[in-house]
N, C-alpha and C. Protein backbone atom coordinates (compact mmCIF):
# COMPACT_ATOMS: atom_id res chain seq x y z
N UNK A 1 0.78 -1.15 0.01
CA UNK A 1 0.02 0.02 -0.05
C UNK A 1 0.85 1.19 0.03
N UNK A 2 0.47 2.26 -0.71
CA UNK A 2 1.23 3.49 -0.87
C UNK A 2 0.86 4.46 0.24
N UNK A 3 1.78 5.02 0.88
CA UNK A 3 1.59 6.02 1.93
C UNK A 3 0.88 7.23 1.37
N UNK A 4 0.08 7.87 2.16
CA UNK A 4 -0.69 9.08 1.74
C UNK A 4 0.18 10.18 1.23
N UNK A 5 1.38 10.40 1.80
CA UNK A 5 2.28 11.49 1.41
C UNK A 5 2.83 11.16 -0.01
N UNK A 6 3.18 9.82 -0.32
CA UNK A 6 3.64 9.51 -1.59
C UNK A 6 2.52 9.58 -2.66
N UNK A 7 1.27 9.07 -2.26
CA UNK A 7 0.13 9.16 -3.13
C UNK A 7 -0.14 10.55 -3.54
N UNK A 8 -0.14 11.49 -2.60
CA UNK A 8 -0.38 12.89 -2.89
C UNK A 8 0.63 13.44 -3.89
N UNK A 9 1.94 13.14 -3.58
CA UNK A 9 3.00 13.59 -4.43
C UNK A 9 2.81 13.09 -5.87
N UNK A 10 2.55 11.74 -6.02
CA UNK A 10 2.35 11.20 -7.36
C UNK A 10 1.17 11.89 -8.09
N UNK A 11 0.02 12.11 -7.41
CA UNK A 11 -1.10 12.80 -7.98
C UNK A 11 -0.72 14.18 -8.44
N UNK A 12 0.10 14.93 -7.64
CA UNK A 12 0.45 16.28 -8.09
C UNK A 12 1.44 16.28 -9.22
N UNK A 13 2.30 15.21 -9.28
CA UNK A 13 3.16 15.14 -10.44
C UNK A 13 2.43 14.82 -11.71
N UNK A 14 1.47 13.88 -11.66
CA UNK A 14 0.69 13.50 -12.86
C UNK A 14 -0.11 14.76 -13.27
N UNK A 15 -0.64 15.55 -12.39
CA UNK A 15 -1.38 16.75 -12.82
C UNK A 15 -0.48 17.90 -13.18
N UNK A 16 0.81 17.81 -12.94
CA UNK A 16 1.67 18.84 -13.32
C UNK A 16 1.61 20.07 -12.30
N UNK A 17 1.04 19.75 -11.11
CA UNK A 17 0.95 20.67 -9.94
C UNK A 17 2.33 20.94 -9.29
N UNK A 18 2.43 22.05 -8.63
CA UNK A 18 3.62 22.28 -7.83
C UNK A 18 3.70 21.39 -6.61
N UNK A 19 4.82 20.98 -6.24
CA UNK A 19 4.97 20.18 -4.99
C UNK A 19 5.39 21.15 -3.85
N UNK A 20 4.56 21.22 -2.90
CA UNK A 20 4.81 22.12 -1.81
C UNK A 20 5.27 21.39 -0.61
N UNK A 21 5.98 22.10 0.27
CA UNK A 21 6.41 21.65 1.56
C UNK A 21 7.74 20.92 1.52
N UNK A 22 8.45 20.92 0.34
CA UNK A 22 9.74 20.35 0.37
C UNK A 22 10.71 21.45 -0.17
N UNK A 23 11.93 21.49 0.44
CA UNK A 23 12.89 22.52 0.18
C UNK A 23 14.14 21.96 -0.59
N UNK A 24 14.16 20.77 -0.99
CA UNK A 24 15.38 20.28 -1.64
C UNK A 24 15.49 20.82 -3.04
N UNK A 25 16.74 20.72 -3.59
CA UNK A 25 17.08 21.27 -4.82
C UNK A 25 16.23 20.59 -6.06
N UNK A 26 16.12 19.32 -5.93
CA UNK A 26 15.39 18.58 -6.97
C UNK A 26 13.95 19.02 -7.06
N UNK A 27 13.26 19.17 -6.03
CA UNK A 27 11.83 19.58 -6.05
C UNK A 27 11.80 20.96 -6.46
N UNK A 28 12.70 21.91 -6.08
CA UNK A 28 12.69 23.26 -6.49
C UNK A 28 12.84 23.39 -7.91
N UNK A 29 13.83 22.64 -8.55
CA UNK A 29 13.98 22.70 -9.97
C UNK A 29 12.87 22.04 -10.72
N UNK A 30 12.25 21.01 -10.23
CA UNK A 30 11.17 20.36 -10.84
C UNK A 30 9.93 21.38 -10.85
N UNK A 31 9.75 22.12 -9.77
CA UNK A 31 8.69 23.08 -9.75
C UNK A 31 8.94 24.18 -10.72
N UNK A 32 10.17 24.69 -10.86
CA UNK A 32 10.50 25.75 -11.77
C UNK A 32 10.29 25.23 -13.22
N UNK A 33 10.57 24.01 -13.56
CA UNK A 33 10.40 23.56 -14.90
C UNK A 33 8.82 23.38 -15.16
N UNK A 34 8.13 22.96 -14.11
CA UNK A 34 6.67 22.81 -14.25
C UNK A 34 5.96 24.10 -14.54
N UNK A 35 6.45 25.14 -13.77
CA UNK A 35 5.86 26.50 -14.02
C UNK A 35 6.17 27.10 -15.32
N UNK A 36 7.46 26.80 -15.87
CA UNK A 36 7.98 27.40 -17.01
C UNK A 36 7.67 26.64 -18.36
N UNK A 37 7.39 25.39 -18.27
CA UNK A 37 7.12 24.64 -19.45
C UNK A 37 5.86 23.74 -19.33
N UNK A 38 5.16 23.49 -20.36
CA UNK A 38 4.00 22.69 -20.38
C UNK A 38 4.38 21.37 -19.92
N UNK A 39 3.49 20.85 -19.02
CA UNK A 39 3.75 19.40 -18.55
C UNK A 39 2.64 18.49 -18.99
N UNK A 40 2.93 17.24 -19.02
CA UNK A 40 2.00 16.24 -19.36
C UNK A 40 2.63 14.98 -19.74
N UNK A 41 1.87 13.90 -19.74
CA UNK A 41 2.50 12.58 -20.00
C UNK A 41 3.08 12.50 -21.44
N UNK A 42 4.14 11.83 -21.63
CA UNK A 42 4.74 11.64 -22.89
C UNK A 42 4.53 10.18 -23.33
N UNK A 43 3.95 10.17 -24.55
CA UNK A 43 3.83 8.75 -25.15
C UNK A 43 4.91 8.61 -26.12
N UNK A 44 5.32 7.36 -26.48
CA UNK A 44 6.38 7.02 -27.25
C UNK A 44 6.43 7.82 -28.58
N UNK A 45 5.35 8.05 -29.25
CA UNK A 45 5.31 8.77 -30.54
C UNK A 45 5.60 10.33 -30.39
N UNK A 46 5.53 10.80 -29.20
CA UNK A 46 5.85 12.16 -28.87
C UNK A 46 7.25 12.44 -28.49
N UNK A 47 8.00 11.40 -28.19
CA UNK A 47 9.37 11.50 -27.63
C UNK A 47 10.28 12.35 -28.40
N UNK A 48 10.35 12.13 -29.70
CA UNK A 48 11.28 12.94 -30.56
C UNK A 48 10.77 14.41 -30.58
N UNK A 49 9.44 14.65 -30.62
CA UNK A 49 9.01 16.09 -30.89
C UNK A 49 9.29 16.91 -29.50
N UNK A 50 9.48 16.19 -28.42
CA UNK A 50 9.74 16.70 -27.20
C UNK A 50 11.22 17.19 -27.05
N UNK A 51 12.07 16.83 -27.98
CA UNK A 51 13.44 17.20 -27.90
C UNK A 51 13.65 18.66 -27.99
N UNK A 52 12.78 19.39 -28.68
CA UNK A 52 12.85 20.89 -28.80
C UNK A 52 12.63 21.43 -27.26
N UNK A 53 11.61 20.93 -26.61
CA UNK A 53 11.28 21.41 -25.28
C UNK A 53 12.49 21.04 -24.33
N UNK A 54 13.03 19.87 -24.48
CA UNK A 54 14.15 19.39 -23.61
C UNK A 54 15.36 20.42 -23.91
N UNK A 55 15.59 20.79 -25.14
CA UNK A 55 16.66 21.73 -25.37
C UNK A 55 16.51 23.01 -24.73
N UNK A 56 15.28 23.57 -24.81
CA UNK A 56 15.00 24.78 -24.12
C UNK A 56 15.03 24.67 -22.63
N UNK A 57 14.67 23.57 -22.12
CA UNK A 57 14.81 23.26 -20.67
C UNK A 57 16.23 23.25 -20.22
N UNK A 58 17.09 22.65 -21.04
CA UNK A 58 18.57 22.61 -20.70
C UNK A 58 19.11 23.95 -20.59
N UNK A 59 18.71 24.85 -21.48
CA UNK A 59 19.17 26.23 -21.34
C UNK A 59 18.63 26.93 -20.11
N UNK A 60 17.43 26.65 -19.83
CA UNK A 60 16.76 27.18 -18.77
C UNK A 60 17.39 26.77 -17.33
N UNK A 61 17.77 25.38 -17.30
CA UNK A 61 18.43 24.83 -16.32
C UNK A 61 19.79 25.42 -15.98
N UNK A 62 20.54 25.55 -17.12
CA UNK A 62 21.84 26.10 -16.98
C UNK A 62 21.85 27.53 -16.45
N UNK A 63 20.93 28.33 -16.94
CA UNK A 63 20.80 29.68 -16.48
C UNK A 63 20.40 29.74 -15.03
N UNK A 64 19.38 28.89 -14.58
CA UNK A 64 18.98 28.92 -13.17
C UNK A 64 20.17 28.38 -12.33
N UNK A 65 20.94 27.43 -12.77
CA UNK A 65 21.92 26.83 -11.98
C UNK A 65 23.11 27.88 -11.77
N UNK A 66 23.39 28.66 -12.83
CA UNK A 66 24.49 29.63 -12.77
C UNK A 66 24.11 30.66 -11.78
N UNK A 67 22.80 31.19 -11.88
CA UNK A 67 22.30 32.19 -10.93
C UNK A 67 22.29 31.77 -9.50
N UNK A 68 21.96 30.49 -9.30
CA UNK A 68 21.94 29.90 -7.96
C UNK A 68 23.24 29.36 -7.40
N UNK A 69 24.32 29.45 -8.28
CA UNK A 69 25.63 28.98 -7.91
C UNK A 69 25.64 27.47 -7.70
N UNK A 70 24.84 26.80 -8.63
CA UNK A 70 24.82 25.29 -8.59
C UNK A 70 25.40 24.69 -9.78
N UNK A 71 25.88 25.47 -10.70
CA UNK A 71 26.48 25.02 -11.97
C UNK A 71 27.97 24.75 -11.78
N UNK A 72 28.30 23.49 -12.23
CA UNK A 72 29.73 23.13 -12.20
C UNK A 72 30.17 23.10 -13.66
N UNK A 73 31.03 24.01 -14.11
CA UNK A 73 31.47 24.07 -15.49
C UNK A 73 32.44 22.81 -15.74
N UNK A 74 32.97 22.26 -14.77
CA UNK A 74 33.81 21.07 -14.90
C UNK A 74 33.81 20.43 -13.50
N UNK A 75 34.18 19.11 -13.49
CA UNK A 75 34.24 18.51 -12.22
C UNK A 75 35.21 19.02 -11.28
N UNK A 76 34.93 19.12 -10.02
CA UNK A 76 35.82 19.68 -9.13
C UNK A 76 37.03 18.89 -8.92
N UNK A 77 38.21 19.54 -8.59
CA UNK A 77 39.48 18.77 -8.33
C UNK A 77 39.21 17.67 -7.25
N UNK A 78 39.86 16.58 -7.52
CA UNK A 78 39.77 15.46 -6.43
C UNK A 78 38.53 14.56 -6.66
N UNK A 79 37.64 14.93 -7.63
CA UNK A 79 36.53 14.02 -7.99
C UNK A 79 37.11 12.72 -8.49
N UNK A 80 36.39 11.65 -8.09
CA UNK A 80 36.92 10.31 -8.49
C UNK A 80 35.80 9.63 -9.25
N UNK A 81 36.05 9.15 -10.54
CA UNK A 81 35.10 8.40 -11.31
C UNK A 81 34.82 7.09 -10.55
N UNK A 82 33.48 6.87 -10.42
CA UNK A 82 33.03 5.57 -9.82
C UNK A 82 32.43 4.60 -10.75
N UNK A 83 31.43 5.07 -11.64
CA UNK A 83 30.80 4.05 -12.53
C UNK A 83 30.01 4.83 -13.58
N UNK A 84 29.52 4.13 -14.58
CA UNK A 84 28.63 4.71 -15.55
C UNK A 84 27.53 3.72 -15.69
N UNK A 85 26.25 4.28 -15.79
CA UNK A 85 25.07 3.54 -15.88
C UNK A 85 24.10 4.15 -16.83
N UNK A 86 23.65 3.54 -17.82
CA UNK A 86 22.60 4.03 -18.69
C UNK A 86 22.92 5.49 -19.14
N UNK A 87 22.37 6.39 -18.33
CA UNK A 87 22.29 7.83 -18.79
C UNK A 87 23.35 8.71 -17.91
N UNK A 88 24.01 8.14 -16.99
CA UNK A 88 24.81 8.95 -16.10
C UNK A 88 26.21 8.42 -15.85
N UNK A 89 27.09 9.30 -15.58
CA UNK A 89 28.44 9.05 -15.03
C UNK A 89 28.44 9.44 -13.62
N UNK A 90 28.90 8.61 -12.70
CA UNK A 90 28.88 9.00 -11.28
C UNK A 90 30.28 9.21 -10.76
N UNK A 91 30.46 10.37 -10.00
CA UNK A 91 31.78 10.62 -9.48
C UNK A 91 31.68 10.80 -8.06
N UNK A 92 32.66 10.41 -7.28
CA UNK A 92 32.82 10.65 -5.76
C UNK A 92 33.41 12.06 -5.61
N UNK A 93 32.73 12.96 -4.89
CA UNK A 93 33.28 14.23 -4.67
C UNK A 93 34.52 14.10 -3.72
N UNK A 94 35.32 15.12 -3.79
CA UNK A 94 36.61 15.07 -2.98
C UNK A 94 36.27 14.93 -1.47
N UNK A 95 35.09 15.36 -0.94
CA UNK A 95 34.75 15.22 0.41
C UNK A 95 34.50 13.80 0.84
N UNK A 96 34.32 12.87 -0.22
CA UNK A 96 34.09 11.50 0.11
C UNK A 96 32.66 11.21 0.69
N UNK A 97 31.80 12.24 0.71
CA UNK A 97 30.50 12.16 1.36
C UNK A 97 29.42 12.29 0.26
N UNK A 98 29.71 13.05 -0.80
CA UNK A 98 28.68 13.30 -1.85
C UNK A 98 29.17 12.69 -3.14
N UNK A 99 28.09 12.57 -3.99
CA UNK A 99 28.37 12.12 -5.34
C UNK A 99 27.96 13.14 -6.28
N UNK A 100 28.55 13.19 -7.52
CA UNK A 100 28.20 14.10 -8.55
C UNK A 100 27.78 13.27 -9.63
N UNK A 101 26.60 13.51 -10.13
CA UNK A 101 25.94 12.69 -11.17
C UNK A 101 25.89 13.58 -12.45
N UNK A 102 26.62 13.20 -13.54
CA UNK A 102 26.55 13.92 -14.77
C UNK A 102 25.67 13.10 -15.69
N UNK A 103 24.48 13.74 -16.02
CA UNK A 103 23.42 13.06 -16.66
C UNK A 103 23.06 13.57 -17.87
N UNK A 104 22.69 12.81 -18.91
CA UNK A 104 22.16 13.34 -20.25
C UNK A 104 20.72 13.16 -20.40
N UNK A 105 20.04 12.48 -19.37
CA UNK A 105 18.68 12.17 -19.39
C UNK A 105 18.16 11.60 -20.68
N UNK A 106 18.91 10.73 -21.35
CA UNK A 106 18.45 10.11 -22.55
C UNK A 106 17.25 9.33 -22.45
N UNK A 107 16.90 8.82 -21.32
CA UNK A 107 15.71 7.99 -21.24
C UNK A 107 14.49 8.86 -20.99
N UNK A 108 14.63 10.15 -20.87
CA UNK A 108 13.48 10.98 -20.51
C UNK A 108 13.21 11.99 -21.70
N UNK A 109 11.99 12.23 -22.04
CA UNK A 109 11.73 13.05 -23.13
C UNK A 109 11.94 14.58 -22.77
N UNK A 110 11.85 14.93 -21.46
CA UNK A 110 12.06 16.21 -21.08
C UNK A 110 12.75 16.24 -19.71
N UNK A 111 13.38 17.36 -19.37
CA UNK A 111 14.11 17.42 -18.07
C UNK A 111 13.10 17.43 -16.93
N UNK A 112 11.76 17.92 -17.12
CA UNK A 112 10.75 17.84 -16.19
C UNK A 112 10.53 16.33 -15.65
N UNK A 113 10.48 15.56 -16.75
CA UNK A 113 10.25 14.09 -16.42
C UNK A 113 11.39 13.45 -15.59
N UNK A 114 12.67 13.98 -15.87
CA UNK A 114 13.81 13.49 -15.14
C UNK A 114 13.65 13.93 -13.78
N UNK A 115 13.40 15.13 -13.47
CA UNK A 115 13.32 15.75 -12.13
C UNK A 115 12.07 15.16 -11.42
N UNK A 116 11.08 14.77 -12.14
CA UNK A 116 9.89 14.11 -11.53
C UNK A 116 10.40 12.79 -10.93
N UNK A 117 11.20 12.13 -11.66
CA UNK A 117 11.64 10.82 -11.29
C UNK A 117 12.53 10.88 -10.03
N UNK A 118 13.37 11.98 -9.95
CA UNK A 118 14.09 12.12 -8.77
C UNK A 118 13.33 12.50 -7.52
N UNK A 119 12.25 13.23 -7.76
CA UNK A 119 11.39 13.66 -6.63
C UNK A 119 10.61 12.50 -6.10
N UNK A 120 10.20 11.59 -7.04
CA UNK A 120 9.45 10.41 -6.60
C UNK A 120 10.28 9.44 -5.80
N UNK A 121 11.57 9.36 -6.02
CA UNK A 121 12.31 8.48 -5.26
C UNK A 121 12.97 9.03 -4.08
N UNK A 122 12.95 10.33 -3.95
CA UNK A 122 13.49 11.04 -2.69
C UNK A 122 12.70 10.77 -1.55
N UNK A 123 13.39 10.63 -0.39
CA UNK A 123 12.69 10.39 0.86
C UNK A 123 11.91 11.72 1.23
N UNK A 124 10.88 11.63 2.04
CA UNK A 124 10.19 12.84 2.48
C UNK A 124 11.07 13.90 2.96
N UNK A 125 10.68 15.13 2.77
CA UNK A 125 11.55 16.23 3.14
C UNK A 125 11.83 16.29 4.65
N UNK A 126 10.89 15.90 5.43
CA UNK A 126 11.15 16.02 6.91
C UNK A 126 12.16 14.86 7.42
N UNK A 127 12.41 13.90 6.56
CA UNK A 127 13.49 12.98 6.99
C UNK A 127 14.80 13.16 6.29
N UNK A 128 14.88 14.26 5.44
CA UNK A 128 15.96 14.48 4.62
C UNK A 128 17.01 15.31 5.40
N UNK A 129 18.22 14.94 5.34
CA UNK A 129 19.35 15.63 5.95
C UNK A 129 20.53 15.45 5.09
N UNK A 130 21.37 16.54 5.10
CA UNK A 130 22.57 16.40 4.31
C UNK A 130 23.60 15.53 4.99
N UNK A 131 23.41 14.27 4.72
CA UNK A 131 24.22 13.25 5.42
C UNK A 131 24.76 12.26 4.39
N UNK A 132 25.76 11.35 4.72
CA UNK A 132 26.19 10.43 3.74
C UNK A 132 25.05 9.51 3.28
N UNK A 133 23.98 9.38 4.01
CA UNK A 133 22.88 8.54 3.65
C UNK A 133 21.91 9.15 2.76
N UNK A 134 21.79 10.46 2.80
CA UNK A 134 20.89 11.24 1.87
C UNK A 134 21.59 12.56 1.51
N UNK A 135 22.73 12.44 0.66
CA UNK A 135 23.34 13.67 0.30
C UNK A 135 22.42 14.52 -0.61
N UNK A 136 22.65 15.84 -0.51
CA UNK A 136 21.84 16.72 -1.32
C UNK A 136 22.61 16.94 -2.60
N UNK A 137 21.97 17.08 -3.77
CA UNK A 137 22.69 17.38 -4.96
C UNK A 137 23.63 18.48 -4.86
N UNK A 138 24.88 18.33 -5.31
CA UNK A 138 25.91 19.27 -5.23
C UNK A 138 25.71 20.26 -6.41
N UNK A 139 25.27 19.81 -7.63
CA UNK A 139 25.31 20.75 -8.75
C UNK A 139 24.40 20.13 -9.81
N UNK A 140 24.15 20.90 -10.82
CA UNK A 140 23.37 20.45 -11.99
C UNK A 140 24.27 20.63 -13.14
N UNK A 141 24.31 19.63 -14.01
CA UNK A 141 25.04 19.70 -15.20
C UNK A 141 24.37 18.90 -16.28
N UNK A 142 23.33 19.33 -16.93
CA UNK A 142 22.69 18.49 -17.97
C UNK A 142 23.62 18.41 -19.25
N UNK A 143 23.81 17.33 -19.73
CA UNK A 143 24.62 17.06 -20.89
C UNK A 143 23.62 16.90 -22.13
N UNK A 144 23.53 17.92 -22.86
CA UNK A 144 22.58 17.83 -24.11
C UNK A 144 23.29 18.39 -25.21
């Protein structure tokens, strides 16, 4: 059975509504994308046509990340390559507590869909802490 908090989050994501009560970077960026770009489910036949939206979103994300001092133009010194999986390369940050995920979101038609997936799998905001168990994202770097 799905907890009420998760059910409500999923309903808001499906409707394209803003997610309130969470302060993490992923939810903030997901909400910015939802406010700035049309949201809706993507079916397979629409995937390619959404690439124009995804390109615009990548520019929007870069601008936002630069203004919020979240953009990393390159990997920080001391970052250690860990692994590659599907759409991402994962690096261990020099502090050995955080990871940096360099992602091209190839499996998602839009960046909104990518951030929706991150928000869905994130623990509730009240249980979130910047710890080795739940590190907060260090930066945004969409590769498109």
